Amino acid sequence: MKKENAYKSLVVRGQVVKSIAGHDRDDFQVVLEVSPPYVTVCDGKRRSLSKPKRKKLLHIAATKTVLDEENLQNDRRIRTALRELGGEEES
């Protein structure tokens, strides 16, 4: 339980995370909801807002980027924000 509480303080709604396990490994996603030991994430493409993915906190790596609520309104804005982040990470 202590480990889950530590992760909860690191992850917030709108935060960009990188998947480190599963079929979506190495993909960037946005956190929609935090309910330890799980988070609900989407990427706006394979996992849309209408069908988000539930992942364990241990299977994601948090980044320092947090998107504002305006960018969480629809799949297009999420895709655009994640694409911009991916371009910065590769440089």
PDB file of N, CA and C in Angstrom:
ATOM      1  N   MET A   1       0.800  -1.201   0.000  1.00  0.00           N
ATOM      2  CA  MET A   1       0.000   0.000   0.000  1.00  0.00           C
ATOM      3  C   MET A   1       0.845   1.269   0.000  1.00  0.00           C
ATOM      4  N   LYS A   2       1.956   1.253   0.713  1.00  0.00           N
ATOM      5  CA  LYS A   2       2.795   2.440   0.777  1.00  0.00           C
ATOM      6  C   LYS A   2       3.329   2.808  -0.597  1.00  0.00           C
ATOM      7  N   LYS A   3       3.685   1.799  -1.387  1.00  0.00           N
ATOM      8  CA  LYS A   3       4.200   2.044  -2.725  1.00  0.00           C
ATOM      9  C   LYS A   3       3.136   2.694  -3.606  1.00  0.00           C
ATOM     10  N   GLU A   4       1.885   2.238  -3.509  1.00  0.00           N
ATOM     11  CA  GLU A   4       0.793   2.808  -4.295  1.00  0.00           C
ATOM     12  C   GLU A   4       0.575   4.266  -3.934  1.00  0.00           C
ATOM     13  N   ASN A   5       0.623   4.602  -2.649  1.00  0.00           N
ATOM     14  CA  ASN A   5       0.443   5.983  -2.226  1.00  0.00           C
ATOM     15  C   ASN A   5       1.558   6.873  -2.754  1.00  0.00           C
ATOM     16  N   ALA A   6       2.769   6.343  -2.825  1.00  0.00           N
ATOM     17  CA  ALA A   6       3.893   7.115  -3.363  1.00  0.00           C
ATOM     18  C   ALA A   6       3.662   7.417  -4.838  1.00  0.00           C
ATOM     19  N   TYR A   7       3.170   6.436  -5.587  1.00  0.00           N
ATOM     20  CA  TYR A   7       2.908   6.656  -7.010  1.00  0.00           C
ATOM     21  C   TYR A   7       1.762   7.636  -7.212  1.00  0.00           C
ATOM     22  N   LYS A   8       0.754   7.581  -6.360  1.00  0.00           N
ATOM     23  CA  LYS A   8      -0.394   8.471  -6.519  1.00  0.00           C
ATOM     24  C   LYS A   8       0.037   9.931  -6.466  1.00  0.00           C
ATOM     25  N   SER A   9       1.002  10.246  -5.605  1.00  0.00           N
ATOM     26  CA  SER A   9       1.435  11.632  -5.491  1.00  0.00           C
ATOM     27  C   SER A   9       2.226  12.079  -6.719  1.00  0.00           C
ATOM     28  N   LEU A  10       2.737  11.131  -7.508  1.00  0.00           N
ATOM     29  CA  LEU A  10       3.518  11.483  -8.686  1.00  0.00           C
ATOM     30  C   LEU A  10       2.683  11.640  -9.941  1.00  0.00           C
ATOM     31  N   VAL A  11       1.483  11.077  -9.954  1.00  0.00           N
ATOM     32  CA  VAL A  11       0.664  11.075 -11.164  1.00  0.00           C
ATOM     33  C   VAL A  11      -0.623  11.838 -10.918  1.00  0.00           C
ATOM     34  N   VAL A  12      -0.937  12.772 -11.840  1.00  0.00           N
ATOM     35  CA  VAL A  12      -2.157  13.578 -11.732  1.00  0.00           C
ATOM     36  C   VAL A  12      -2.892  13.567 -13.063  1.00  0.00           C
ATOM     37  N   ARG A  13      -4.147  13.967 -13.051  1.00  0.00           N
ATOM     38  CA  ARG A  13      -4.942  14.046 -14.277  1.00  0.00           C
ATOM     39  C   ARG A  13      -4.268  14.999 -15.264  1.00  0.00           C
ATOM     40  N   GLY A  14      -4.171  14.572 -16.515  1.00  0.00           N
ATOM     41  CA  GLY A  14      -3.563  15.391 -17.550  1.00  0.00           C
ATOM     42  C   GLY A  14      -2.076  15.154 -17.727  1.00  0.00           C
ATOM     43  N   GLN A  15      -1.482  14.384 -16.855  1.00  0.00           N
ATOM     44  CA  GLN A  15      -0.045  14.123 -16.947  1.00  0.00           C
ATOM     45  C   GLN A  15       0.250  13.153 -18.086  1.00  0.00           C
ATOM     46  N   VAL A  16       1.299  13.424 -18.804  1.00  0.00           N
ATOM     47  CA  VAL A  16       1.741  12.532 -19.875  1.00  0.00           C
ATOM     48  C   VAL A  16       2.620  11.461 -19.246  1.00  0.00           C
ATOM     49  N   VAL A  17       2.318  10.213 -19.583  1.00  0.00           N
ATOM     50  CA  VAL A  17       3.084   9.083 -19.066  1.00  0.00           C
ATOM     51  C   VAL A  17       3.542   8.228 -20.238  1.00  0.00           C
ATOM     52  N   LYS A  18       4.566   7.432 -19.988  1.00  0.00           N
ATOM     53  CA  LYS A  18       5.071   6.505 -20.991  1.00  0.00           C
ATOM     54  C   LYS A  18       4.801   5.095 -20.501  1.00  0.00           C
ATOM     55  N   SER A  19       4.202   4.291 -21.339  1.00  0.00           N
ATOM     56  CA  SER A  19       3.915   2.915 -20.977  1.00  0.00           C
ATOM     57  C   SER A  19       5.209   2.116 -20.982  1.00  0.00           C
ATOM     58  N   ILE A  20       5.438   1.343 -19.920  1.00  0.00           N
ATOM     59  CA  ILE A  20       6.656   0.538 -19.855  1.00  0.00           C
ATOM     60  C   ILE A  20       6.353  -0.954 -19.873  1.00  0.00           C
ATOM     61  N   ALA A  21       5.072  -1.314 -20.022  1.00  0.00           N
ATOM     62  CA  ALA A  21       4.697  -2.727 -20.093  1.00  0.00           C
ATOM     63  C   ALA A  21       3.418  -2.876 -20.913  1.00  0.00           C
ATOM     64  N   GLY A  22       3.301  -4.014 -21.582  1.00  0.00           N
ATOM     65  CA  GLY A  22       2.100  -4.301 -22.344  1.00  0.00           C
ATOM     66  C   GLY A  22       2.291  -4.088 -23.836  1.00  0.00           C
ATOM     67  N   HIS A  23       1.215  -4.259 -24.590  1.00  0.00           N
ATOM     68  CA  HIS A  23       1.264  -4.099 -26.039  1.00  0.00           C
ATOM     69  C   HIS A  23       1.588  -2.670 -26.455  1.00  0.00           C
ATOM     70  N   ASP A  24       1.272  -1.723 -25.596  1.00  0.00           N
ATOM     71  CA  ASP A  24       1.511  -0.314 -25.904  1.00  0.00           C
ATOM     72  C   ASP A  24       2.831   0.190 -25.328  1.00  0.00           C
ATOM     73  N   ARG A  25       3.763  -0.709 -25.059  1.00  0.00           N
ATOM     74  CA  ARG A  25       5.057  -0.342 -24.477  1.00  0.00           C
ATOM     75  C   ARG A  25       5.721   0.767 -25.288  1.00  0.00           C
ATOM     76  N   ASP A  26       6.307   1.734 -24.607  1.00  0.00           N
ATOM     77  CA  ASP A  26       7.028   2.880 -25.175  1.00  0.00           C
ATOM     78  C   ASP A  26       6.122   3.930 -25.808  1.00  0.00           C
ATOM     79  N   ASP A  27       4.814   3.805 -25.689  1.00  0.00           N
ATOM     80  CA  ASP A  27       3.885   4.809 -26.209  1.00  0.00           C
ATOM     81  C   ASP A  27       3.607   5.855 -25.135  1.00  0.00           C
ATOM     82  N   PHE A  28       3.439   7.111 -25.572  1.00  0.00           N
ATOM     83  CA  PHE A  28       3.037   8.170 -24.654  1.00  0.00           C
ATOM     84  C   PHE A  28       1.521   8.196 -24.565  1.00  0.00           C
ATOM     85  N   GLN A  29       1.013   8.409 -23.355  1.00  0.00           N
ATOM     86  CA  GLN A  29      -0.415   8.466 -23.107  1.00  0.00           C
ATOM     87  C   GLN A  29      -0.694   9.545 -22.088  1.00  0.00           C
ATOM     88  N   VAL A  30      -1.967   9.923 -21.962  1.00  0.00           N
ATOM     89  CA  VAL A  30      -2.378  10.955 -21.019  1.00  0.00           C
ATOM     90  C   VAL A  30      -3.234  10.311 -19.934  1.00  0.00           C
ATOM     91  N   VAL A  31      -2.986  10.689 -18.685  1.00  0.00           N
ATOM     92  CA  VAL A  31      -3.761  10.171 -17.563  1.00  0.00           C
ATOM     93  C   VAL A  31      -5.095  10.913 -17.499  1.00  0.00           C
ATOM     94  N   LEU A  32      -6.184  10.144 -17.465  1.00  0.00           N
ATOM     95  CA  LEU A  32      -7.518  10.724 -17.328  1.00  0.00           C
ATOM     96  C   LEU A  32      -8.034  10.634 -15.903  1.00  0.00           C
ATOM     97  N   GLU A  33      -7.664   9.558 -15.211  1.00  0.00           N
ATOM     98  CA  GLU A  33      -8.162   9.332 -13.857  1.00  0.00           C
ATOM     99  C   GLU A  33      -7.131   8.528 -13.072  1.00  0.00           C
ATOM    100  N   VAL A  34      -6.989   8.850 -11.802  1.00  0.00           N
ATOM    101  CA  VAL A  34      -6.076   8.115 -10.919  1.00  0.00           C
ATOM    102  C   VAL A  34      -6.907   7.474  -9.819  1.00  0.00           C
ATOM    103  N   SER A  35      -6.837   6.148  -9.728  1.00  0.00           N
ATOM    104  CA  SER A  35      -7.489   5.420  -8.641  1.00  0.00           C
ATOM    105  C   SER A  35      -6.607   4.218  -8.314  1.00  0.00           C
ATOM    106  N   PRO A  36      -5.604   4.445  -7.431  1.00  0.00           N
ATOM    107  CA  PRO A  36      -4.610   3.408  -7.140  1.00  0.00           C
ATOM    108  C   PRO A  36      -5.255   2.059  -6.833  1.00  0.00           C
ATOM    109  N   PRO A  37      -4.657   0.995  -7.318  1.00  0.00           N
ATOM    110  CA  PRO A  37      -3.352   0.897  -7.981  1.00  0.00           C
ATOM    111  C   PRO A  37      -3.421   1.076  -9.490  1.00  0.00           C
ATOM    112  N   TYR A  38      -4.478   1.707 -10.003  1.00  0.00           N
ATOM    113  CA  TYR A  38      -4.645   1.859 -11.447  1.00  0.00           C
ATOM    114  C   TYR A  38      -4.744   3.326 -11.854  1.00  0.00           C
ATOM    115  N   VAL A  39      -4.475   3.561 -13.136  1.00  0.00           N
ATOM    116  CA  VAL A  39      -4.768   4.839 -13.778  1.00  0.00           C
ATOM    117  C   VAL A  39      -5.529   4.532 -15.060  1.00  0.00           C
ATOM    118  N   THR A  40      -6.319   5.476 -15.505  1.00  0.00           N
ATOM    119  CA  THR A  40      -7.009   5.351 -16.778  1.00  0.00           C
ATOM    120  C   THR A  40      -6.303   6.283 -17.748  1.00  0.00           C
ATOM    121  N   VAL A  41      -5.864   5.738 -18.890  1.00  0.00           N
ATOM    122  CA  VAL A  41      -5.084   6.515 -19.849  1.00  0.00           C
ATOM    123  C   VAL A  41      -5.700   6.418 -21.246  1.00  0.00           C
ATOM    124  N   CYS A  42      -5.360   7.380 -22.079  1.00  0.00           N
ATOM    125  CA  CYS A  42      -5.741   7.326 -23.493  1.00  0.00           C
ATOM    126  C   CYS A  42      -4.667   8.025 -24.301  1.00  0.00           C
ATOM    127  N   ASP A  43      -4.630   7.704 -25.601  1.00  0.00           N
ATOM    128  CA  ASP A  43      -3.671   8.352 -26.485  1.00  0.00           C
ATOM    129  C   ASP A  43      -4.349   9.076 -27.638  1.00  0.00           C
ATOM    130  N   GLY A  44      -5.677   9.031 -27.691  1.00  0.00           N
ATOM    131  CA  GLY A  44      -6.402   9.732 -28.729  1.00  0.00           C
ATOM    132  C   GLY A  44      -6.458   9.006 -30.054  1.00  0.00           C
ATOM    133  N   LYS A  45      -5.795   7.873 -30.161  1.00  0.00           N
ATOM    134  CA  LYS A  45      -5.786   7.127 -31.413  1.00  0.00           C
ATOM    135  C   LYS A  45      -6.248   5.697 -31.160  1.00  0.00           C
ATOM    136  N   ARG A  46      -5.346   4.839 -30.720  1.00  0.00           N
ATOM    137  CA  ARG A  46      -5.728   3.452 -30.418  1.00  0.00           C
ATOM    138  C   ARG A  46      -6.648   3.386 -29.208  1.00  0.00           C
ATOM    139  N   ARG A  47      -6.379   4.225 -28.250  1.00  0.00           N
ATOM    140  CA  ARG A  47      -7.212   4.322 -27.059  1.00  0.00           C
ATOM    141  C   ARG A  47      -7.814   5.713 -27.015  1.00  0.00           C
ATOM    142  N   SER A  48      -9.070   5.811 -27.418  1.00  0.00           N
ATOM    143  CA  SER A  48      -9.732   7.108 -27.478  1.00  0.00           C
ATOM    144  C   SER A  48     -10.358   7.453 -26.132  1.00  0.00           C
ATOM    145  N   LEU A  49     -10.906   8.647 -26.037  1.00  0.00           N
ATOM    146  CA  LEU A  49     -11.576   9.065 -24.813  1.00  0.00           C
ATOM    147  C   LEU A  49     -12.790   8.193 -24.525  1.00  0.00           C
ATOM    148  N   SER A  50     -13.406   7.670 -25.567  1.00  0.00           N
ATOM    149  CA  SER A  50     -14.589   6.830 -25.361  1.00  0.00           C
ATOM    150  C   SER A  50     -14.231   5.417 -24.929  1.00  0.00           C
ATOM    151  N   LYS A  51     -12.987   4.971 -25.176  1.00  0.00           N
ATOM    152  CA  LYS A  51     -12.540   3.635 -24.770  1.00  0.00           C
ATOM    153  C   LYS A  51     -11.133   3.713 -24.169  1.00  0.00           C
ATOM    154  N   PRO A  52     -11.007   4.350 -22.996  1.00  0.00           N
ATOM    155  CA  PRO A  52      -9.675   4.473 -22.385  1.00  0.00           C
ATOM    156  C   PRO A  52      -9.162   3.138 -21.853  1.00  0.00           C
ATOM    157  N   LYS A  53      -7.878   3.090 -21.566  1.00  0.00           N
ATOM    158  CA  LYS A  53      -7.208   1.889 -21.073  1.00  0.00           C
ATOM    159  C   LYS A  53      -6.927   2.042 -19.588  1.00  0.00           C
ATOM    160  N   ARG A  54      -7.160   0.989 -18.839  1.00  0.00           N
ATOM    161  CA  ARG A  54      -6.820   0.974 -17.421  1.00  0.00           C
ATOM    162  C   ARG A  54      -5.484   0.258 -17.263  1.00  0.00           C
ATOM    163  N   LYS A  55      -4.511   0.925 -16.651  1.00  0.00           N
ATOM    164  CA  LYS A  55      -3.181   0.343 -16.464  1.00  0.00           C
ATOM    165  C   LYS A  55      -2.778   0.460 -15.004  1.00  0.00           C
ATOM    166  N   LYS A  56      -1.955  -0.483 -14.577  1.00  0.00           N
ATOM    167  CA  LYS A  56      -1.413  -0.412 -13.223  1.00  0.00           C
ATOM    168  C   LYS A  56      -0.367   0.700 -13.162  1.00  0.00           C
ATOM    169  N   LEU A  57      -0.283   1.337 -12.019  1.00  0.00           N
ATOM    170  CA  LEU A  57       0.698   2.405 -11.815  1.00  0.00           C
ATOM    171  C   LEU A  57       2.121   1.910 -12.038  1.00  0.00           C
ATOM    172  N   LEU A  58       2.379   0.658 -11.732  1.00  0.00           N
ATOM    173  CA  LEU A  58       3.724   0.115 -11.894  1.00  0.00           C
ATOM    174  C   LEU A  58       4.117  -0.041 -13.359  1.00  0.00           C
ATOM    175  N   HIS A  59       3.156   0.020 -14.260  1.00  0.00           N
ATOM    176  CA  HIS A  59       3.421  -0.201 -15.683  1.00  0.00           C
ATOM    177  C   HIS A  59       3.535   1.087 -16.484  1.00  0.00           C
ATOM    178  N   ILE A  60       3.653   2.216 -15.796  1.00  0.00           N
ATOM    179  CA  ILE A  60       3.821   3.500 -16.471  1.00  0.00           C
ATOM    180  C   ILE A  60       4.992   4.253 -15.857  1.00  0.00           C
ATOM    181  N   ALA A  61       5.580   5.136 -16.643  1.00  0.00           N
ATOM    182  CA  ALA A  61       6.637   6.026 -16.165  1.00  0.00           C
ATOM    183  C   ALA A  61       6.148   7.459 -16.373  1.00  0.00           C
ATOM    184  N   ALA A  62       6.075   8.212 -15.311  1.00  0.00           N
ATOM    185  CA  ALA A  62       5.576   9.579 -15.382  1.00  0.00           C
ATOM    186  C   ALA A  62       6.598  10.500 -16.031  1.00  0.00           C
ATOM    187  N   THR A  63       6.115  11.462 -16.816  1.00  0.00           N
ATOM    188  CA  THR A  63       6.966  12.520 -17.346  1.00  0.00           C
ATOM    189  C   THR A  63       6.653  13.793 -16.567  1.00  0.00           C
ATOM    190  N   LYS A  64       7.384  14.837 -16.844  1.00  0.00           N
ATOM    191  CA  LYS A  64       7.147  16.108 -16.161  1.00  0.00           C
ATOM    192  C   LYS A  64       6.052  16.931 -16.829  1.00  0.00           C
ATOM    193  N   THR A  65       5.579  16.495 -17.986  1.00  0.00           N
ATOM    194  CA  THR A  65       4.597  17.251 -18.749  1.00  0.00           C
ATOM    195  C   THR A  65       3.181  16.980 -18.255  1.00  0.00           C
ATOM    196  N   VAL A  66       2.436  18.052 -17.999  1.00  0.00           N
ATOM    197  CA  VAL A  66       1.029  17.942 -17.619  1.00  0.00           C
ATOM    198  C   VAL A  66       0.236  18.815 -18.584  1.00  0.00           C
ATOM    199  N   LEU A  67      -0.720  18.202 -19.273  1.00  0.00           N
ATOM    200  CA  LEU A  67      -1.571  18.930 -20.212  1.00  0.00           C
ATOM    201  C   LEU A  67      -2.691  19.628 -19.460  1.00  0.00           C
ATOM    202  N   ASP A  68      -3.085  20.799 -19.940  1.00  0.00           N
ATOM    203  CA  ASP A  68      -4.196  21.487 -19.296  1.00  0.00           C
ATOM    204  C   ASP A  68      -5.523  20.863 -19.737  1.00  0.00           C
ATOM    205  N   GLU A  69      -6.579  21.195 -19.025  1.00  0.00           N
ATOM    206  CA  GLU A  69      -7.900  20.609 -19.282  1.00  0.00           C
ATOM    207  C   GLU A  69      -8.383  20.872 -20.704  1.00  0.00           C
ATOM    208  N   GLU A  70      -7.971  21.983 -21.279  1.00  0.00           N
ATOM    209  CA  GLU A  70      -8.378  22.315 -22.646  1.00  0.00           C
ATOM    210  C   GLU A  70      -7.907  21.253 -23.638  1.00  0.00           C
ATOM    211  N   ASN A  71      -6.721  20.707 -23.428  1.00  0.00           N
ATOM    212  CA  ASN A  71      -6.181  19.685 -24.321  1.00  0.00           C
ATOM    213  C   ASN A  71      -6.778  18.302 -24.075  1.00  0.00           C
ATOM    214  N   LEU A  72      -7.571  18.145 -23.033  1.00  0.00           N
ATOM    215  CA  LEU A  72      -8.182  16.855 -22.735  1.00  0.00           C
ATOM    216  C   LEU A  72      -9.632  16.772 -23.213  1.00  0.00           C
ATOM    217  N   GLN A  73     -10.061  17.748 -23.997  1.00  0.00           N
ATOM    218  CA  GLN A  73     -11.453  17.807 -24.423  1.00  0.00           C
ATOM    219  C   GLN A  73     -11.820  16.806 -25.509  1.00  0.00           C
ATOM    220  N   ASN A  74     -10.887  16.550 -26.445  1.00  0.00           N
ATOM    221  CA  ASN A  74     -11.196  15.598 -27.520  1.00  0.00           C
ATOM    222  C   ASN A  74      -9.926  14.874 -27.961  1.00  0.00           C
ATOM    223  N   ASP A  75     -10.129  13.812 -28.743  1.00  0.00           N
ATOM    224  CA  ASP A  75      -9.013  12.962 -29.166  1.00  0.00           C
ATOM    225  C   ASP A  75      -8.004  13.710 -30.030  1.00  0.00           C
ATOM    226  N   ARG A  76      -8.468  14.606 -30.868  1.00  0.00           N
ATOM    227  CA  ARG A  76      -7.569  15.346 -31.756  1.00  0.00           C
ATOM    228  C   ARG A  76      -6.568  16.182 -30.958  1.00  0.00           C
ATOM    229  N   ARG A  77      -7.047  16.873 -29.949  1.00  0.00           N
ATOM    230  CA  ARG A  77      -6.140  17.703 -29.137  1.00  0.00           C
ATOM    231  C   ARG A  77      -5.140  16.847 -28.376  1.00  0.00           C
ATOM    232  N   ILE A  78      -5.574  15.687 -27.908  1.00  0.00           N
ATOM    233  CA  ILE A  78      -4.664  14.777 -27.204  1.00  0.00           C
ATOM    234  C   ILE A  78      -3.589  14.275 -28.154  1.00  0.00           C
ATOM    235  N   ARG A  79      -3.983  13.856 -29.358  1.00  0.00           N
ATOM    236  CA  ARG A  79      -3.010  13.380 -30.353  1.00  0.00           C
ATOM    237  C   ARG A  79      -1.996  14.458 -30.691  1.00  0.00           C
ATOM    238  N   THR A  80      -2.474  15.675 -30.888  1.00  0.00           N
ATOM    239  CA  THR A  80      -1.585  16.789 -31.227  1.00  0.00           C
ATOM    240  C   THR A  80      -0.581  17.046 -30.107  1.00  0.00           C
ATOM    241  N   ALA A  81      -1.053  17.078 -28.872  1.00  0.00           N
ATOM    242  CA  ALA A  81      -0.163  17.330 -27.735  1.00  0.00           C
ATOM    243  C   ALA A  81       0.866  16.222 -27.584  1.00  0.00           C
ATOM    244  N   LEU A  82       0.451  14.973 -27.760  1.00  0.00           N
ATOM    245  CA  LEU A  82       1.385  13.856 -27.633  1.00  0.00           C
ATOM    246  C   LEU A  82       2.375  13.825 -28.786  1.00  0.00           C
ATOM    247  N   ARG A  83       1.957  14.198 -29.968  1.00  0.00           N
ATOM    248  CA  ARG A  83       2.857  14.247 -31.124  1.00  0.00           C
ATOM    249  C   ARG A  83       3.944  15.285 -30.893  1.00  0.00           C
ATOM    250  N   GLU A  84       3.563  16.442 -30.358  1.00  0.00           N
ATOM    251  CA  GLU A  84       4.545  17.484 -30.064  1.00  0.00           C
ATOM    252  C   GLU A  84       5.543  17.013 -29.014  1.00  0.00           C
ATOM    253  N   LEU A  85       5.070  16.310 -28.016  1.00  0.00           N
ATOM    254  CA  LEU A  85       5.958  15.781 -26.980  1.00  0.00           C
ATOM    255  C   LEU A  85       6.903  14.746 -27.576  1.00  0.00           C
ATOM    256  N   GLY A  86       6.400  13.865 -28.412  1.00  0.00           N
ATOM    257  CA  GLY A  86       7.231  12.838 -29.033  1.00  0.00           C
ATOM    258  C   GLY A  86       8.335  13.450 -29.880  1.00  0.00           C
ATOM    259  N   GLY A  87       8.039  14.550 -30.552  1.00  0.00           N
ATOM    260  CA  GLY A  87       9.049  15.226 -31.355  1.00  0.00           C
ATOM    261  C   GLY A  87      10.139  15.822 -30.492  1.00  0.00           C
ATOM    262  N   GLU A  88       9.772  16.344 -29.327  1.00  0.00           N
ATOM    263  CA  GLU A  88      10.761  16.930 -28.424  1.00  0.00           C
ATOM    264  C   GLU A  88      11.626  15.845 -27.788  1.00  0.00           C
ATOM    265  N   GLU A  89      11.031  14.697 -27.475  1.00  0.00           N
ATOM    266  CA  GLU A  89      11.772  13.617 -26.838  1.00  0.00           C
ATOM    267  C   GLU A  89      12.830  13.024 -27.764  1.00  0.00           C
ATOM    268  N   GLU A  90      12.541  12.939 -29.085  1.00  0.00           N
ATOM    269  CA  GLU A  90      13.469  12.329 -30.019  1.00  0.00           C
ATOM    270  C   GLU A  90      14.666  13.208 -30.314  1.00  0.00           C
ATOM    271  N   SER A  91      14.546  14.519 -30.158  1.00  0.00           N
ATOM    272  CA  SER A  91      15.624  15.451 -30.481  1.00  0.00           C
ATOM    273  C   SER A  91      16.792  15.295 -29.563  1.00  0.00           C
TER     274      SER A  91
END
